[in-house]
PDB file of N, CA and C in Angstrom:
ATOM      1  N   MET A   1       2.673  16.881  16.139  1.00  0.00           N
ATOM      2  CA  MET A   1       2.613  15.763  15.824  1.00  0.00           C
ATOM      3  C   MET A   1       1.825  15.916  14.270  1.00  0.00           C
ATOM      4  N   ILE A   2       2.175  15.032  13.471  1.00  0.00           N
ATOM      5  CA  ILE A   2       1.606  15.182  12.032  1.00  0.00           C
ATOM      6  C   ILE A   2       0.164  14.262  12.079  1.00  0.00           C
ATOM      7  N   ASP A   3      -0.533  15.146  11.536  1.00  0.00           N
ATOM      8  CA  ASP A   3      -2.251  14.346  11.303  1.00  0.00           C
ATOM      9  C   ASP A   3      -2.046  13.114  10.682  1.00  0.00           C
ATOM     10  N   LYS A   4      -3.231  12.189  10.927  1.00  0.00           N
ATOM     11  CA  LYS A   4      -3.187  10.901  10.286  1.00  0.00           C
ATOM     12  C   LYS A   4      -3.531  10.708   8.944  1.00  0.00           C
ATOM     13  N   GLU A   5      -4.115  11.867   8.303  1.00  0.00           N
ATOM     14  CA  GLU A   5      -4.355  11.656   6.942  1.00  0.00           C
ATOM     15  C   GLU A   5      -2.925  11.989   6.213  1.00  0.00           C
ATOM     16  N   THR A   6      -2.284  12.870   6.846  1.00  0.00           N
ATOM     17  CA  THR A   6      -0.877  13.060   6.026  1.00  0.00           C
ATOM     18  C   THR A   6      -0.064  11.662   6.190  1.00  0.00           C
ATOM     19  N   GLN A   7      -0.029  11.165   7.314  1.00  0.00           N
ATOM     20  CA  GLN A   7       0.579   9.961   7.546  1.00  0.00           C
ATOM     21  C   GLN A   7       0.168   8.824   6.323  1.00  0.00           C
ATOM     22  N   ILE A   8      -1.177   8.778   6.286  1.00  0.00           N
ATOM     23  CA  ILE A   8      -1.724   7.619   5.379  1.00  0.00           C
ATOM     24  C   ILE A   8      -1.235   7.851   3.927  1.00  0.00           C
ATOM     25  N   LYS A   9      -1.415   9.289   3.696  1.00  0.00           N
ATOM     26  CA  LYS A   9      -1.089   9.481   2.423  1.00  0.00           C
ATOM     27  C   LYS A   9       0.551   9.274   2.013  1.00  0.00           C
ATOM     28  N   ILE A  10       1.343   9.531   2.885  1.00  0.00           N
ATOM     29  CA  ILE A  10       2.688   9.196   2.828  1.00  0.00           C
ATOM     30  C   ILE A  10       2.975   7.677   2.794  1.00  0.00           C
ATOM     31  N   LEU A  11       2.178   6.971   3.537  1.00  0.00           N
ATOM     32  CA  LEU A  11       2.428   5.429   3.347  1.00  0.00           C
ATOM     33  C   LEU A  11       1.835   4.888   2.280  1.00  0.00           C
ATOM     34  N   LEU A  12       0.823   5.471   1.533  1.00  0.00           N
ATOM     35  CA  LEU A  12       0.295   5.044   0.460  1.00  0.00           C
ATOM     36  C   LEU A  12       1.082   5.597  -0.854  1.00  0.00           C
ATOM     37  N   TYR A  13       1.279   6.842  -0.891  1.00  0.00           N
ATOM     38  CA  TYR A  13       1.720   7.674  -1.971  1.00  0.00           C
ATOM     39  C   TYR A  13       3.169   8.041  -1.885  1.00  0.00           C
ATOM     40  N   GLY A  14       3.728   8.067  -0.899  1.00  0.00           N
ATOM     41  CA  GLY A  14       5.195   8.667  -0.732  1.00  0.00           C
ATOM     42  C   GLY A  14       6.113   7.724  -0.262  1.00  0.00           C
ATOM     43  N   ASN A  15       7.174   8.481   0.450  1.00  0.00           N
ATOM     44  CA  ASN A  15       8.434   7.713   0.452  1.00  0.00           C
ATOM     45  C   ASN A  15       8.463   7.916   2.466  1.00  0.00           C
ATOM     46  N   PRO A  16       7.937   6.495   2.951  1.00  0.00           N
ATOM     47  CA  PRO A  16       8.005   6.741   4.551  1.00  0.00           C
ATOM     48  C   PRO A  16       9.187   7.005   4.903  1.00  0.00           C
ATOM     49  N   LEU A  17      10.234   6.362   4.443  1.00  0.00           N
ATOM     50  CA  LEU A  17      11.761   6.565   5.236  1.00  0.00           C
ATOM     51  C   LEU A  17      12.026   7.960   5.070  1.00  0.00           C
ATOM     52  N   ASP A  18      12.019   8.623   3.862  1.00  0.00           N
ATOM     53  CA  ASP A  18      12.312   9.927   3.593  1.00  0.00           C
ATOM     54  C   ASP A  18      11.523  10.785   4.664  1.00  0.00           C
ATOM     55  N   PHE A  19      10.201  10.733   4.714  1.00  0.00           N
ATOM     56  CA  PHE A  19       9.031  11.493   5.705  1.00  0.00           C
ATOM     57  C   PHE A  19       9.826  11.086   7.176  1.00  0.00           C
ATOM     58  N   ALA A  20       9.829   9.889   7.502  1.00  0.00           N
ATOM     59  CA  ALA A  20      10.071   9.783   8.834  1.00  0.00           C
ATOM     60  C   ALA A  20      11.689  10.586   9.020  1.00  0.00           C
ATOM     61  N   CYS A  21      12.443  10.738   8.152  1.00  0.00           N
ATOM     62  CA  CYS A  21      14.056  11.200   8.854  1.00  0.00           C
ATOM     63  C   CYS A  21      13.650  12.631   8.535  1.00  0.00           C
ATOM     64  N   LYS A  22      13.001  13.264   7.628  1.00  0.00           N
ATOM     65  CA  LYS A  22      13.173  14.595   7.297  1.00  0.00           C
ATOM     66  C   LYS A  22      11.959  15.165   7.885  1.00  0.00           C
ATOM     67  N   THR A  23      10.786  14.903   7.828  1.00  0.00           N
ATOM     68  CA  THR A  23       9.824  15.533   8.479  1.00  0.00           C
ATOM     69  C   THR A  23       9.433  15.313   9.967  1.00  0.00           C
ATOM     70  N   LEU A  24       9.648  13.951  10.324  1.00  0.00           N
ATOM     71  CA  LEU A  24       9.316  13.686  11.887  1.00  0.00           C
ATOM     72  C   LEU A  24      10.666  13.987  12.723  1.00  0.00           C
ATOM     73  N   GLY A  25      11.801  14.025  12.066  1.00  0.00           N
ATOM     74  CA  GLY A  25      13.066  14.206  12.709  1.00  0.00           C
ATOM     75  C   GLY A  25      13.630  12.820  13.196  1.00  0.00           C
ATOM     76  N   VAL A  26      13.281  11.862  12.717  1.00  0.00           N
ATOM     77  CA  VAL A  26      13.805  10.534  13.111  1.00  0.00           C
ATOM     78  C   VAL A  26      15.241  10.481  12.512  1.00  0.00           C
ATOM     79  N   ARG A  27      16.340  10.285  13.225  1.00  0.00           N
ATOM     80  CA  ARG A  27      17.792  10.492  12.965  1.00  0.00           C
ATOM     81  C   ARG A  27      18.080   8.913  11.901  1.00  0.00           C
ATOM     82  N   ASP A  28      17.883   7.980  12.377  1.00  0.00           N
ATOM     83  CA  ASP A  28      17.864   6.706  11.872  1.00  0.00           C
ATOM     84  C   ASP A  28      16.798   5.667  12.061  1.00  0.00           C
ATOM     85  N   MET A  29      16.449   5.242  10.904  1.00  0.00           N
ATOM     86  CA  MET A  29      15.359   4.268  11.076  1.00  0.00           C
ATOM     87  C   MET A  29      15.937   2.657  11.173  1.00  0.00           C
ATOM     88  N   ARG A  30      17.165   2.691  11.222  1.00  0.00           N
ATOM     89  CA  ARG A  30      17.677   1.248  11.261  1.00  0.00           C
ATOM     90  C   ARG A  30      17.384   0.842  12.876  1.00  0.00           C
ATOM     91  N   THR A  31      17.191   1.640  13.586  1.00  0.00           N
ATOM     92  CA  THR A  31      17.026   1.179  15.281  1.00  0.00           C
ATOM     93  C   THR A  31      15.622   1.329  15.693  1.00  0.00           C
ATOM     94  N   ARG A  32      14.767   1.937  14.972  1.00  0.00           N
ATOM     95  CA  ARG A  32      13.342   2.253  15.215  1.00  0.00           C
ATOM     96  C   ARG A  32      12.470   1.367  14.156  1.00  0.00           C
ATOM     97  N   LYS A  33      11.342   1.061  14.849  1.00  0.00           N
ATOM     98  CA  LYS A  33       9.987   0.536  14.045  1.00  0.00           C
ATOM     99  C   LYS A  33       9.027   1.583  13.514  1.00  0.00           C
ATOM    100  N   TYR A  34       8.637   1.349  12.222  1.00  0.00           N
ATOM    101  CA  TYR A  34       7.636   2.465  11.676  1.00  0.00           C
ATOM    102  C   TYR A  34       6.484   2.598  12.705  1.00  0.00           C
ATOM    103  N   SER A  35       6.108   1.622  13.366  1.00  0.00           N
ATOM    104  CA  SER A  35       5.053   1.597  14.189  1.00  0.00           C
ATOM    105  C   SER A  35       5.250   2.422  15.492  1.00  0.00           C
ATOM    106  N   GLU A  36       6.300   3.148  15.775  1.00  0.00           N
ATOM    107  CA  GLU A  36       6.859   3.736  16.575  1.00  0.00           C
ATOM    108  C   GLU A  36       6.870   5.287  16.243  1.00  0.00           C
ATOM    109  N   VAL A  37       7.250   5.495  15.109  1.00  0.00           N
ATOM    110  CA  VAL A  37       7.298   6.699  14.178  1.00  0.00           C
ATOM    111  C   VAL A  37       5.880   7.317  13.673  1.00  0.00           C
ATOM    112  N   PHE A  38       4.923   6.221  12.956  1.00  0.00           N
ATOM    113  CA  PHE A  38       3.699   6.380  12.410  1.00  0.00           C
ATOM    114  C   PHE A  38       2.672   5.970  13.193  1.00  0.00           C
ATOM    115  N   THR A  39       1.789   6.988  13.806  1.00  0.00           N
ATOM    116  CA  THR A  39       0.576   6.697  14.631  1.00  0.00           C
ATOM    117  C   THR A  39      -0.519   6.328  13.970  1.00  0.00           C
ATOM    118  N   VAL A  40      -0.783   5.682  12.779  1.00  0.00           N
ATOM    119  CA  VAL A  40      -1.757   4.876  12.105  1.00  0.00           C
ATOM    120  C   VAL A  40      -1.628   3.628  12.143  1.00  0.00           C
ATOM    121  N   SER A  41      -2.805   2.925  12.003  1.00  0.00           N
ATOM    122  CA  SER A  41      -2.837   1.249  11.985  1.00  0.00           C
ATOM    123  C   SER A  41      -3.449   1.083  10.617  1.00  0.00           C
ATOM    124  N   ASN A  42      -3.144  -0.087  10.399  1.00  0.00           N
ATOM    125  CA  ASN A  42      -3.484  -0.745   9.073  1.00  0.00           C
ATOM    126  C   ASN A  42      -5.104  -0.315   9.021  1.00  0.00           C
ATOM    127  N   GLU A  43      -5.747  -0.870  10.058  1.00  0.00           N
ATOM    128  CA  GLU A  43      -7.280  -0.550   9.651  1.00  0.00           C
ATOM    129  C   GLU A  43      -7.759   0.862   9.534  1.00  0.00           C
ATOM    130  N   GLU A  44      -6.969   1.927   9.971  1.00  0.00           N
ATOM    131  CA  GLU A  44      -7.084   3.394   9.827  1.00  0.00           C
ATOM    132  C   GLU A  44      -6.841   3.694   8.056  1.00  0.00           C
ATOM    133  N   VAL A  45      -5.548   3.126   7.729  1.00  0.00           N
ATOM    134  CA  VAL A  45      -5.280   3.198   6.315  1.00  0.00           C
ATOM    135  C   VAL A  45      -6.423   2.692   5.378  1.00  0.00           C
ATOM    136  N   TYR A  46      -7.033   1.413   5.685  1.00  0.00           N
ATOM    137  CA  TYR A  46      -8.091   0.919   5.131  1.00  0.00           C
ATOM    138  C   TYR A  46      -9.390   1.652   5.175  1.00  0.00           C
ATOM    139  N   GLU A  47      -9.560   2.199   6.465  1.00  0.00           N
ATOM    140  CA  GLU A  47     -10.811   2.954   6.553  1.00  0.00           C
ATOM    141  C   GLU A  47     -10.497   4.572   5.596  1.00  0.00           C
ATOM    142  N   TYR A  48      -9.418   4.806   5.389  1.00  0.00           N
ATOM    143  CA  TYR A  48      -9.031   5.965   4.387  1.00  0.00           C
ATOM    144  C   TYR A  48      -9.412   5.696   3.132  1.00  0.00           C
ATOM    145  N   THR A  49      -9.033   4.379   2.734  1.00  0.00           N
ATOM    146  CA  THR A  49      -9.169   3.993   1.392  1.00  0.00           C
ATOM    147  C   THR A  49     -10.518   3.607   0.978  1.00  0.00           C
ATOM    148  N   SER A  50     -11.264   3.264   1.994  1.00  0.00           N
ATOM    149  CA  SER A  50     -12.803   3.086   1.988  1.00  0.00           C
ATOM    150  C   SER A  50     -13.241   4.464   1.609  1.00  0.00           C
ATOM    151  N   ILE A  51     -13.217   5.611   2.383  1.00  0.00           N
ATOM    152  CA  ILE A  51     -13.657   6.804   1.604  1.00  0.00           C
ATOM    153  C   ILE A  51     -12.990   7.568   0.334  1.00  0.00           C
ATOM    154  N   HIS A  52     -11.870   7.461   0.410  1.00  0.00           N
ATOM    155  CA  HIS A  52     -11.034   8.330  -0.630  1.00  0.00           C
ATOM    156  C   HIS A  52     -10.461   7.431  -1.857  1.00  0.00           C
ATOM    157  N   GLY A  53     -10.763   6.149  -1.804  1.00  0.00           N
ATOM    158  CA  GLY A  53     -10.177   4.898  -2.840  1.00  0.00           C
ATOM    159  C   GLY A  53      -9.329   4.411  -2.681  1.00  0.00           C
ATOM    160  N   ILE A  54      -8.798   3.498  -3.668  1.00  0.00           N
ATOM    161  CA  ILE A  54      -7.607   2.715  -3.275  1.00  0.00           C
ATOM    162  C   ILE A  54      -6.614   3.562  -4.232  1.00  0.00           C
ATOM    163  N   PRO A  55      -5.398   3.466  -3.934  1.00  0.00           N
ATOM    164  CA  PRO A  55      -4.459   4.420  -4.887  1.00  0.00           C
ATOM    165  C   PRO A  55      -4.545   3.773  -6.262  1.00  0.00           C
ATOM    166  N   HIS A  56      -4.298   4.696  -7.241  1.00  0.00           N
ATOM    167  CA  HIS A  56      -4.532   4.515  -8.609  1.00  0.00           C
ATOM    168  C   HIS A  56      -3.453   3.266  -8.997  1.00  0.00           C
ATOM    169  N   SER A  57      -3.766   2.418  -9.812  1.00  0.00           N
ATOM    170  CA  SER A  57      -2.705   1.373 -10.316  1.00  0.00           C
ATOM    171  C   SER A  57      -2.856   1.460 -11.711  1.00  0.00           C
ATOM    172  N   ASP A  58      -1.442   1.309 -12.477  1.00  0.00           N
ATOM    173  CA  ASP A  58      -1.240   1.400 -13.508  1.00  0.00           C
ATOM    174  C   ASP A  58      -1.960   0.306 -14.383  1.00  0.00           C
ATOM    175  N   SER A  59      -2.030  -0.659 -13.689  1.00  0.00           N
ATOM    176  CA  SER A  59      -2.858  -1.846 -14.354  1.00  0.00           C
ATOM    177  C   SER A  59      -4.378  -1.698 -14.433  1.00  0.00           C
ATOM    178  N   THR A  60      -4.686  -2.008 -15.778  1.00  0.00           N
ATOM    179  CA  THR A  60      -6.202  -2.012 -15.825  1.00  0.00           C
ATOM    180  C   THR A  60      -6.470  -3.498 -16.694  1.00  0.00           C
ATOM    181  N   SER A  61      -5.517  -4.594 -16.623  1.00  0.00           N
ATOM    182  CA  SER A  61      -5.933  -5.854 -17.128  1.00  0.00           C
ATOM    183  C   SER A  61      -4.611  -6.472 -16.603  1.00  0.00           C
ATOM    184  N   ARG A  62      -4.864  -7.809 -16.804  1.00  0.00           N
ATOM    185  CA  ARG A  62      -3.637  -8.750 -16.923  1.00  0.00           C
ATOM    186  C   ARG A  62      -2.512  -8.636 -17.585  1.00  0.00           C
ATOM    187  N   ASP A  63      -2.792  -8.116 -18.752  1.00  0.00           N
ATOM    188  CA  ASP A  63      -1.851  -7.847 -19.826  1.00  0.00           C
ATOM    189  C   ASP A  63      -0.752  -6.914 -19.750  1.00  0.00           C
ATOM    190  N   SER A  64      -0.977  -6.114 -18.632  1.00  0.00           N
ATOM    191  CA  SER A  64       0.364  -5.250 -18.282  1.00  0.00           C
ATOM    192  C   SER A  64       1.759  -6.023 -18.193  1.00  0.00           C
ATOM    193  N   LEU A  65       2.601  -5.282 -19.073  1.00  0.00           N
ATOM    194  CA  LEU A  65       4.161  -5.876 -18.748  1.00  0.00           C
ATOM    195  C   LEU A  65       4.887  -5.150 -18.010  1.00  0.00           C
ATOM    196  N   VAL A  66       4.351  -4.260 -17.285  1.00  0.00           N
ATOM    197  CA  VAL A  66       5.198  -3.620 -16.128  1.00  0.00           C
ATOM    198  C   VAL A  66       5.623  -4.669 -14.865  1.00  0.00           C
ATOM    199  N   GLU A  67       6.733  -4.344 -14.545  1.00  0.00           N
ATOM    200  CA  GLU A  67       6.987  -5.286 -13.257  1.00  0.00           C
ATOM    201  C   GLU A  67       6.411  -4.811 -11.917  1.00  0.00           C
ATOM    202  N   GLY A  68       6.060  -5.857 -11.135  1.00  0.00           N
ATOM    203  CA  GLY A  68       5.797  -5.177  -9.485  1.00  0.00           C
ATOM    204  C   GLY A  68       4.287  -5.869  -9.374  1.00  0.00           C
ATOM    205  N   PHE A  69       3.644  -5.070  -8.566  1.00  0.00           N
ATOM    206  CA  PHE A  69       2.425  -5.727  -7.854  1.00  0.00           C
ATOM    207  C   PHE A  69       1.276  -4.845  -8.619  1.00  0.00           C
ATOM    208  N   HIS A  70       0.397  -5.550  -9.135  1.00  0.00           N
ATOM    209  CA  HIS A  70      -0.824  -5.053  -9.937  1.00  0.00           C
ATOM    210  C   HIS A  70      -1.994  -5.444  -9.398  1.00  0.00           C
ATOM    211  N   TYR A  71      -3.073  -4.505  -9.504  1.00  0.00           N
ATOM    212  CA  TYR A  71      -4.592  -4.842  -9.232  1.00  0.00           C
ATOM    213  C   TYR A  71      -5.502  -3.912  -9.954  1.00  0.00           C
ATOM    214  N   PHE A  72      -6.525  -4.540 -10.045  1.00  0.00           N
ATOM    215  CA  PHE A  72      -7.578  -3.907 -11.102  1.00  0.00           C
ATOM    216  C   PHE A  72      -8.910  -4.518 -10.807  1.00  0.00           C
ATOM    217  N   GLU A  73      -9.846  -3.635 -11.089  1.00  0.00           N
ATOM    218  CA  GLU A  73     -11.171  -3.892 -10.837  1.00  0.00           C
ATOM    219  C   GLU A  73     -11.846  -4.423 -12.239  1.00  0.00           C
ATOM    220  N   GLU A  74     -12.674  -5.345 -12.143  1.00  0.00           N
ATOM    221  CA  GLU A  74     -13.350  -5.902 -13.085  1.00  0.00           C
ATOM    222  C   GLU A  74     -14.664  -6.417 -12.932  1.00  0.00           C
ATOM    223  N   GLU A  75     -15.655  -5.967 -13.130  1.00  0.00           N
ATOM    224  CA  GLU A  75     -17.069  -6.416 -13.042  1.00  0.00           C
ATOM    225  C   GLU A  75     -17.139  -6.727 -11.626  1.00  0.00           C
ATOM    226  N   GLY A  76     -16.983  -5.847 -10.681  1.00  0.00           N
ATOM    227  CA  GLY A  76     -17.086  -6.059  -9.204  1.00  0.00           C
ATOM    228  C   GLY A  76     -16.220  -6.841  -8.330  1.00  0.00           C
ATOM    229  N   LYS A  77     -15.007  -7.339  -9.202  1.00  0.00           N
ATOM    230  CA  LYS A  77     -14.129  -8.442  -8.339  1.00  0.00           C
ATOM    231  C   LYS A  77     -12.938  -7.561  -8.704  1.00  0.00           C
ATOM    232  N   TRP A  78     -11.902  -7.970  -7.594  1.00  0.00           N
ATOM    233  CA  TRP A  78     -10.619  -7.386  -7.648  1.00  0.00           C
ATOM    234  C   TRP A  78      -9.729  -8.595  -8.017  1.00  0.00           C
ATOM    235  N   TYR A  79      -8.647  -8.060  -9.072  1.00  0.00           N
ATOM    236  CA  TYR A  79      -7.840  -9.048  -9.363  1.00  0.00           C
ATOM    237  C   TYR A  79      -6.349  -8.720  -8.825  1.00  0.00           C
ATOM    238  N   THR A  80      -5.551  -9.214  -8.399  1.00  0.00           N
ATOM    239  CA  THR A  80      -4.162  -9.015  -8.005  1.00  0.00           C
ATOM    240  C   THR A  80      -3.008  -9.828  -8.417  1.00  0.00           C
ATOM    241  N   PHE A  81      -2.040  -9.517  -8.709  1.00  0.00           N
ATOM    242  CA  PHE A  81      -1.004 -10.406  -8.971  1.00  0.00           C
ATOM    243  C   PHE A  81       0.504  -9.628  -9.037  1.00  0.00           C
ATOM    244  N   PHE A  82       1.552 -10.340  -9.120  1.00  0.00           N
ATOM    245  CA  PHE A  82       2.966  -9.699  -9.208  1.00  0.00           C
ATOM    246  C   PHE A  82       3.519 -10.325 -10.572  1.00  0.00           C
ATOM    247  N   ARG A  83       3.837  -9.372 -11.123  1.00  0.00           N
ATOM    248  CA  ARG A  83       4.817  -9.650 -12.306  1.00  0.00           C
ATOM    249  C   ARG A  83       6.107  -9.299 -12.124  1.00  0.00           C
ATOM    250  N   GLU A  84       7.108 -10.457 -12.460  1.00  0.00           N
ATOM    251  CA  GLU A  84       8.477 -10.209 -12.162  1.00  0.00           C
ATOM    252  C   GLU A  84       9.114 -11.146 -13.510  1.00  0.00           C
ATOM    253  N   ARG A  85      10.029 -10.240 -14.124  1.00  0.00           N
ATOM    254  CA  ARG A  85      10.789 -10.936 -15.305  1.00  0.00           C
ATOM    255  C   ARG A  85       9.943 -11.830 -16.483  1.00  0.00           C
ATOM    256  N   GLY A  86       8.776 -11.028 -16.532  1.00  0.00           N
ATOM    257  CA  GLY A  86       7.794 -11.418 -17.405  1.00  0.00           C
ATOM    258  C   GLY A  86       6.733 -12.561 -17.026  1.00  0.00           C
ATOM    259  N   TYR A  87       6.720 -13.101 -15.742  1.00  0.00           N
ATOM    260  CA  TYR A  87       6.072 -14.191 -15.239  1.00  0.00           C
ATOM    261  C   TYR A  87       5.200 -13.511 -14.258  1.00  0.00           C
ATOM    262  N   ILE A  88       3.990 -14.007 -14.379  1.00  0.00           N
ATOM    263  CA  ILE A  88       3.026 -13.741 -13.298  1.00  0.00           C
ATOM    264  C   ILE A  88       2.912 -14.647 -12.082  1.00  0.00           C
ATOM    265  N   HIS A  89       2.816 -14.094 -10.840  1.00  0.00           N
ATOM    266  CA  HIS A  89       2.871 -14.890  -9.536  1.00  0.00           C
ATOM    267  C   HIS A  89       1.817 -14.402  -8.777  1.00  0.00           C
ATOM    268  N   ASP A  90       1.378 -15.158  -7.649  1.00  0.00           N
ATOM    269  CA  ASP A  90       0.520 -15.216  -6.522  1.00  0.00           C
ATOM    270  C   ASP A  90      -0.518 -14.213  -7.479  1.00  0.00           C
ATOM    271  N   GLU A  91      -1.311 -14.991  -8.299  1.00  0.00           N
ATOM    272  CA  GLU A  91      -2.410 -14.214  -8.853  1.00  0.00           C
ATOM    273  C   GLU A  91      -3.792 -14.659  -8.143  1.00  0.00           C
ATOM    274  N   LYS A  92      -4.602 -13.570  -7.646  1.00  0.00           N
ATOM    275  CA  LYS A  92      -5.665 -13.755  -6.934  1.00  0.00           C
ATOM    276  C   LYS A  92      -6.811 -13.113  -7.365  1.00  0.00           C
ATOM    277  N   CYS A  93      -8.084 -13.421  -7.237  1.00  0.00           N
ATOM    278  CA  CYS A  93      -9.336 -12.916  -7.435  1.00  0.00           C
ATOM    279  C   CYS A  93     -10.475 -12.938  -6.279  1.00  0.00           C
ATOM    280  N   PHE A  94     -10.773 -11.650  -5.899  1.00  0.00           N
ATOM    281  CA  PHE A  94     -11.313 -11.253  -4.367  1.00  0.00           C
ATOM    282  C   PHE A  94     -12.905 -10.832  -5.140  1.00  0.00           C
ATOM    283  N   ASP A  95     -13.738 -11.002  -4.075  1.00  0.00           N
ATOM    284  CA  ASP A  95     -14.933 -10.007  -3.957  1.00  0.00           C
ATOM    285  C   ASP A  95     -14.375  -8.585  -3.380  1.00  0.00           C
ATOM    286  N   ASP A  96     -15.298  -7.645  -3.633  1.00  0.00           N
ATOM    287  CA  ASP A  96     -15.082  -6.128  -3.506  1.00  0.00           C
ATOM    288  C   ASP A  96     -14.218  -6.030  -2.239  1.00  0.00           C
ATOM    289  N   GLU A  97     -14.791  -6.339  -1.068  1.00  0.00           N
ATOM    290  CA  GLU A  97     -13.985  -5.595   0.368  1.00  0.00           C
ATOM    291  C   GLU A  97     -12.973  -6.352   0.563  1.00  0.00           C
ATOM    292  N   LEU A  98     -12.893  -7.909   0.296  1.00  0.00           N
ATOM    293  CA  LEU A  98     -11.630  -8.523   0.709  1.00  0.00           C
ATOM    294  C   LEU A  98     -10.471  -8.360  -0.328  1.00  0.00           C
ATOM    295  N   GLY A  99     -10.850  -7.853  -1.463  1.00  0.00           N
ATOM    296  CA  GLY A  99      -9.790  -7.571  -2.294  1.00  0.00           C
ATOM    297  C   GLY A  99      -9.220  -6.263  -1.916  1.00  0.00           C
ATOM    298  N   LYS A 100     -10.234  -5.196  -1.513  1.00  0.00           N
ATOM    299  CA  LYS A 100      -9.369  -3.869  -1.053  1.00  0.00           C
ATOM    300  C   LYS A 100      -8.773  -3.968  -0.038  1.00  0.00           C
ATOM    301  N   LYS A 101      -9.309  -4.767   1.017  1.00  0.00           N
ATOM    302  CA  LYS A 101      -8.164  -4.983   2.262  1.00  0.00           C
ATOM    303  C   LYS A 101      -6.853  -5.622   1.850  1.00  0.00           C
ATOM    304  N   TYR A 102      -6.752  -6.763   0.953  1.00  0.00           N
ATOM    305  CA  TYR A 102      -5.612  -7.473   0.563  1.00  0.00           C
ATOM    306  C   TYR A 102      -4.849  -6.397  -0.188  1.00  0.00           C
ATOM    307  N   ILE A 103      -5.436  -5.554  -1.127  1.00  0.00           N
ATOM    308  CA  ILE A 103      -4.574  -4.559  -1.651  1.00  0.00           C
ATOM    309  C   ILE A 103      -4.178  -3.699  -0.605  1.00  0.00           C
ATOM    310  N   VAL A 104      -4.561  -3.102   0.226  1.00  0.00           N
ATOM    311  CA  VAL A 104      -4.291  -2.307   1.115  1.00  0.00           C
ATOM    312  C   VAL A 104      -3.087  -2.891   2.008  1.00  0.00           C
ATOM    313  N   THR A 105      -3.177  -4.143   2.632  1.00  0.00           N
ATOM    314  CA  THR A 105      -2.206  -4.710   3.296  1.00  0.00           C
ATOM    315  C   THR A 105      -1.000  -4.839   2.334  1.00  0.00           C
ATOM    316  N   THR A 106      -1.145  -5.324   1.290  1.00  0.00           N
ATOM    317  CA  THR A 106       0.190  -5.545   0.275  1.00  0.00           C
ATOM    318  C   THR A 106       0.788  -4.130   0.152  1.00  0.00           C
ATOM    319  N   LEU A 107       0.268  -3.176  -0.210  1.00  0.00           N
ATOM    320  CA  LEU A 107       0.799  -1.819  -0.294  1.00  0.00           C
ATOM    321  C   LEU A 107       1.444  -1.376   0.753  1.00  0.00           C
ATOM    322  N   LEU A 108       0.877  -1.559   1.934  1.00  0.00           N
ATOM    323  CA  LEU A 108       1.667  -1.643   3.262  1.00  0.00           C
ATOM    324  C   LEU A 108       3.047  -2.132   3.382  1.00  0.00           C
ATOM    325  N   LYS A 109       2.900  -3.616   3.124  1.00  0.00           N
ATOM    326  CA  LYS A 109       3.855  -4.406   2.987  1.00  0.00           C
ATOM    327  C   LYS A 109       4.943  -3.853   2.050  1.00  0.00           C
ATOM    328  N   LEU A 110       4.660  -3.492   0.976  1.00  0.00           N
ATOM    329  CA  LEU A 110       5.605  -3.188   0.004  1.00  0.00           C
ATOM    330  C   LEU A 110       6.335  -1.907   0.240  1.00  0.00           C
ATOM    331  N   SER A 111       5.615  -1.059   1.164  1.00  0.00           N
ATOM    332  CA  SER A 111       6.016   0.165   1.597  1.00  0.00           C
ATOM    333  C   SER A 111       7.277  -0.002   2.629  1.00  0.00           C
ATOM    334  N   GLY A 112       7.356  -1.347   3.056  1.00  0.00           N
ATOM    335  CA  GLY A 112       8.770  -1.538   3.969  1.00  0.00           C
ATOM    336  C   GLY A 112       8.346  -1.179   5.411  1.00  0.00           C
ATOM    337  N   THR A 113       7.124  -0.740   5.697  1.00  0.00           N
ATOM    338  CA  THR A 113       7.132  -0.210   6.915  1.00  0.00           C
ATOM    339  C   THR A 113       6.790  -1.179   8.232  1.00  0.00           C
ATOM    340  N   GLY A 114       6.093  -2.260   7.752  1.00  0.00           N
ATOM    341  CA  GLY A 114       5.627  -3.400   8.667  1.00  0.00           C
ATOM    342  C   GLY A 114       4.621  -2.928   9.414  1.00  0.00           C
ATOM    343  N   LEU A 115       3.668  -2.032   8.864  1.00  0.00           N
ATOM    344  CA  LEU A 115       2.275  -1.574   9.559  1.00  0.00           C
ATOM    345  C   LEU A 115       1.243  -2.643   8.891  1.00  0.00           C
ATOM    346  N   TYR A 116       1.174  -3.749   9.183  1.00  0.00           N
ATOM    347  CA  TYR A 116       0.437  -4.425   8.633  1.00  0.00           C
ATOM    348  C   TYR A 116      -0.184  -5.692   9.573  1.00  0.00           C
TER     349      TYR A 116
END
């Protein structure tokens, strides 16, 4: 059994599919759910980020030109958005805790695991 902290690090920073197949010994994730393979919940991932911080984002402002999901903190508020083909979509502004929860949930969704 792989400890929960390692699982959370893989979900936030790593490659969950590769980890499931190579480390956990799952032959094929096409017939399995990540919730059957990983034994952590969205709440446990959020709790981990409350202690260790949210993963670093390359975005430090709305001006980032890199495509994908962006988030940054400014004056106690979290700002999030998606940039695709030069356009900004789904722009949001949150108070501290709601922003962190949204970011963690979005990162889990983007990892493709369905643990949200």
